[in-house]
C-alpha atoms as a PDB file:
ATOM      1  CA  MET A   1     108.364 128.230 181.349  1.00  0.00           C
ATOM      2  CA  ALA A   2     107.027 125.723 179.318  1.00  0.00           C
ATOM      3  CA  HIS A   3     106.602 122.304 180.402  1.00  0.00           C
ATOM      4  CA  THR A   4     107.717 120.238 177.743  1.00  0.00           C
ATOM      5  CA  LEU A   5     110.455 119.101 176.104  1.00  0.00           C
ATOM      6  CA  ALA A   6     109.171 120.311 172.441  1.00  0.00           C
ATOM      7  CA  ASP A   7     108.282 123.522 173.921  1.00  0.00           C
ATOM      8  CA  GLU A   8     111.502 124.307 175.861  1.00  0.00           C
ATOM      9  CA  MET A   9     113.342 123.227 172.461  1.00  0.00           C
ATOM     10  CA  ARG A  10     111.196 125.642 170.518  1.00  0.00           C
ATOM     11  CA  LEU A  11     111.788 128.477 173.057  1.00  0.00           C
ATOM     12  CA  HIS A  12     115.680 127.611 173.013  1.00  0.00           C
ATOM     13  CA  LEU A  13     115.619 128.111 169.050  1.00  0.00           C
ATOM     14  CA  ALA A  14     113.790 131.436 169.620  1.00  0.00           C
ATOM     15  CA  ASP A  15     115.818 133.188 171.957  1.00  0.00           C
ATOM     16  CA  PRO A  16     118.663 134.894 170.585  1.00  0.00           C
ATOM     17  CA  PHE A  17     122.166 133.830 172.052  1.00  0.00           C
ATOM     18  CA  PRO A  18     122.949 136.294 175.699  1.00  0.00           C
ATOM     19  CA  ASP A  19     125.076 139.129 173.891  1.00  0.00           C
ATOM     20  CA  SER A  20     126.805 139.826 177.266  1.00  0.00           C
ATOM     21  CA  VAL A  21     128.496 135.969 176.762  1.00  0.00           C
ATOM     22  CA  GLU A  22     131.522 136.184 174.989  1.00  0.00           C
ATOM     23  CA  LYS A  23     131.583 132.995 172.435  1.00  0.00           C
ATOM     24  CA  GLY A  24     134.426 130.609 172.930  1.00  0.00           C
ATOM     25  CA  LEU A  25     135.271 131.181 176.380  1.00  0.00           C
ATOM     26  CA  ASP A  26     134.496 128.507 178.968  1.00  0.00           C
ATOM     27  CA  TYR A  27     132.489 129.853 182.328  1.00  0.00           C
ATOM     28  CA  GLY A  28     132.752 127.428 185.381  1.00  0.00           C
ATOM     29  CA  GLU A  29     133.152 124.237 183.412  1.00  0.00           C
ATOM     30  CA  VAL A  30     131.665 124.343 180.577  1.00  0.00           C
ATOM     31  CA  ASP A  31     132.304 126.183 176.986  1.00  0.00           C
ATOM     32  CA  ALA A  32     129.538 128.808 176.338  1.00  0.00           C
ATOM     33  CA  VAL A  33     128.437 128.177 172.521  1.00  0.00           C
ATOM     34  CA  MET A  34     129.318 124.049 173.207  1.00  0.00           C
ATOM     35  CA  ILE A  35     127.301 123.304 175.776  1.00  0.00           C
ATOM     36  CA  GLY A  36     123.826 124.878 174.089  1.00  0.00           C
ATOM     37  CA  ALA A  37     124.914 122.894 170.766  1.00  0.00           C
ATOM     38  CA  ASP A  38     125.204 119.363 172.625  1.00  0.00           C
ATOM     39  CA  ILE A  39     122.719 119.348 174.772  1.00  0.00           C
ATOM     40  CA  TYR A  40     120.497 120.283 172.052  1.00  0.00           C
ATOM     41  CA  GLY A  41     121.867 117.755 169.794  1.00  0.00           C
ATOM     42  CA  TRP A  42     121.149 115.287 172.599  1.00  0.00           C
ATOM     43  CA  ALA A  43     117.752 116.382 173.127  1.00  0.00           C
ATOM     44  CA  ALA A  44     116.841 115.869 169.389  1.00  0.00           C
ATOM     45  CA  ARG A  45     117.332 112.392 169.823  1.00  0.00           C
ATOM     46  CA  ALA A  46     115.701 112.094 172.506  1.00  0.00           C
ATOM     47  CA  GLY A  47     113.843 108.676 173.671  1.00  0.00           C
ATOM     48  CA  SER A  48     116.820 107.039 171.256  1.00  0.00           C
ATOM     49  CA  LEU A  49     120.199 108.172 173.230  1.00  0.00           C
ATOM     50  CA  SER A  50     122.596 105.310 173.093  1.00  0.00           C
ATOM     51  CA  GLU A  51     123.778 103.838 176.241  1.00  0.00           C
ATOM     52  CA  LEU A  52     127.325 106.003 175.692  1.00  0.00           C
ATOM     53  CA  ASP A  53     125.002 109.644 175.327  1.00  0.00           C
ATOM     54  CA  ARG A  54     122.772 108.961 178.230  1.00  0.00           C
ATOM     55  CA  PRO A  55     125.889 109.545 180.884  1.00  0.00           C
ATOM     56  CA  ARG A  56     127.675 112.405 178.604  1.00  0.00           C
ATOM     57  CA  LEU A  57     124.469 113.888 178.941  1.00  0.00           C
ATOM     58  CA  ALA A  58     123.763 113.936 182.499  1.00  0.00           C
ATOM     59  CA  GLN A  59     127.549 114.708 183.188  1.00  0.00           C
ATOM     60  CA  ALA A  60     127.092 117.930 180.542  1.00  0.00           C
ATOM     61  CA  ALA A  61     123.902 118.665 182.448  1.00  0.00           C
ATOM     62  CA  ASP A  62     125.434 118.686 186.164  1.00  0.00           C
ATOM     63  CA  GLU A  63     128.630 120.729 184.546  1.00  0.00           C
ATOM     64  CA  LEU A  64     125.779 123.385 183.486  1.00  0.00           C
ATOM     65  CA  GLN A  65     124.496 123.302 186.572  1.00  0.00           C
ATOM     66  CA  ARG A  66     127.286 124.021 188.534  1.00  0.00           C
ATOM     67  CA  SER A  67     128.356 126.747 186.193  1.00  0.00           C
ATOM     68  CA  ILE A  68     125.360 128.629 185.545  1.00  0.00           C
ATOM     69  CA  GLY A  69     126.251 131.180 188.217  1.00  0.00           C
ATOM     70  CA  ALA A  70     129.874 131.627 186.506  1.00  0.00           C
ATOM     71  CA  PHE A  71     127.485 133.250 183.515  1.00  0.00           C
ATOM     72  CA  PRO A  72     126.552 136.817 183.442  1.00  0.00           C
ATOM     73  CA  ALA A  73     123.479 137.449 185.759  1.00  0.00           C
ATOM     74  CA  ASP A  74     121.410 138.351 182.003  1.00  0.00           C
ATOM     75  CA  ALA A  75     122.639 135.227 180.346  1.00  0.00           C
ATOM     76  CA  GLN A  76     121.783 133.109 183.353  1.00  0.00           C
ATOM     77  CA  PRO A  77     117.813 132.299 182.225  1.00  0.00           C
ATOM     78  CA  TYR A  78     119.046 131.137 178.955  1.00  0.00           C
ATOM     79  CA  TYR A  79     121.267 128.466 180.463  1.00  0.00           C
ATOM     80  CA  GLU A  80     118.981 127.360 182.514  1.00  0.00           C
ATOM     81  CA  ARG A  81     116.473 126.678 179.667  1.00  0.00           C
ATOM     82  CA  VAL A  82     118.993 124.616 178.372  1.00  0.00           C
ATOM     83  CA  LEU A  83     119.643 122.650 181.822  1.00  0.00           C
ATOM     84  CA  ARG A  84     116.033 122.432 181.544  1.00  0.00           C
ATOM     85  CA  ILE A  85     116.023 120.909 178.146  1.00  0.00           C
ATOM     86  CA  ALA A  86     118.854 118.453 179.279  1.00  0.00           C
ATOM     87  CA  ARG A  87     116.786 117.138 182.415  1.00  0.00           C
ATOM     88  CA  LEU A  88     114.148 116.487 180.594  1.00  0.00           C
ATOM     89  CA  THR A  89     115.678 114.643 177.881  1.00  0.00           C
ATOM     90  CA  LEU A  90     117.335 112.693 180.732  1.00  0.00           C
ATOM     91  CA  ILE A  91     113.427 111.806 181.781  1.00  0.00           C
ATOM     92  CA  ALA A  92     112.345 111.321 178.051  1.00  0.00           C
END
């Protein structure tokens, strides 16, 4: 497991999207594709998020955390990394 936001983001880009996840579907409270794209977009602006973006990111992270169990087991590590990216962004 990486320890910095930059490391986690680099590893995320190197990971393929999980084959077992059907694009366009919601798993739990999140869209399988959009949650990663949204969180990565916020993370790319870590340290300069607006007052509007921070609570949106926090809400997305909470929704993802509650939803990880809804993803196929082999896809869960991918989304756990997305969640780590969100949490690291919030403390950046």
